[in-house]
Amino acid sequence: MKKIVVTSFILVMIMVIPSLSGANTANTITSIPDRNNEPINTSYEEFTHTVFVEYATATTCPYCVVASSQLYSIYESNDYNFYYVSLVADKNAKAYRRVKNLGVTGVPDVYFDGKYTHIVGAQSDEQPYRNAIINAGTREVPNIDIHVDVSWIAKAVLKIRITVQNNESEEYNGQIRAYIVEPISRWNDRDGNPYHFGVLDIPLDRSLSLPYNNNAYPHPLDGRSDSTYEFTRIWIGALHGFGDITKDNIMVIAAVFDKNNDQAIASSAATPNSENTHNSVFKIIQEIRNIIELTLSTIKTEKHLPSILYR
């Protein structure tokens, strides 16, 4: 059951995070069964974009166990076009920062397409989450394409390339975020089950300004129109305390958000492929990695995060 305030006798099944505060501009879905638990009939083809879901949680949260299971079950069903990330707020500073930015005050709290809508508290079944994904996925959004490419160029070293294309007839201003996640997380929920798509880092979080689509005048060098923009990052896991990641358990998910309301309007994801890198470059990167690992070997990588209390 989700947190609601209309009556005093309904059990509130959330874990409160008192240190997170601030106004929340999202639509909070309340726990009224006959409104939210009825299935919404729609087809995969009706989705206007790939939905992006952010799941705020904590390893000590008793109610998050069910939420984690429900979200992963929906993802594994392949019923909908969506990606999701687990923001484990008590284990990762970047995740905690994003949770605070979203306005979360208690977990579990699941955000669908950023601040388009969110559901707080434990749910009796998957249907509220399914309905929220459908409502987010079938709404009208700007015609923006995003593509992610990831290369594994050395041990725990990723080359991330993200391309964003504005297909609108007017300029688009937004925010782009990239999340590096482990599909099977190193962190477990309160019952000892690993989270899925646990966020390790958010290496890209910046404003995005794309001119309108003008295919009549492509870029003279690469043939692209000015409405396309590409971001490239080299991410060294050891620099962030994650030098132990493996190629078969790492993924990058990126999303474009509206500048005015922080609602996601497009998302994409990729797992690493192997890149043929010149030996000299490979050796340089390998040396950098070794130096970083040596430097960090005596540094405690776990950051102190605010305690999370029960209510």
Foldseek 3Di string as FASTA:
>chain_A
DDDDDPDDPDDHQWFFFQVQADDAPAAEDDPDCVVQQDADDDQQVLFPAAKEKEWEEEQARPQVVQVLVLVVVVVVVPRYRYDYAYLHLQFAPQSVVVCSVNGDGIPGKMDMQRRHHIYHGHDPHNRNVNVSNVVLRNDDDFPKAKEWAWADEDQQKIKIKMKMAHAAQAKAKWWKWKFKFFQFDPGHHNVRGTGGRYTQDTPGIGMDIFGYDDLVDADPPPRHRSRMDMDIDIDRLLLLPRSPDDQVTIKMKMFIAHHPNRGTDYIDMDGHDHDDDDPVVSVVVVVVNVVSNVVCVPPDNGDGGDDTGGD
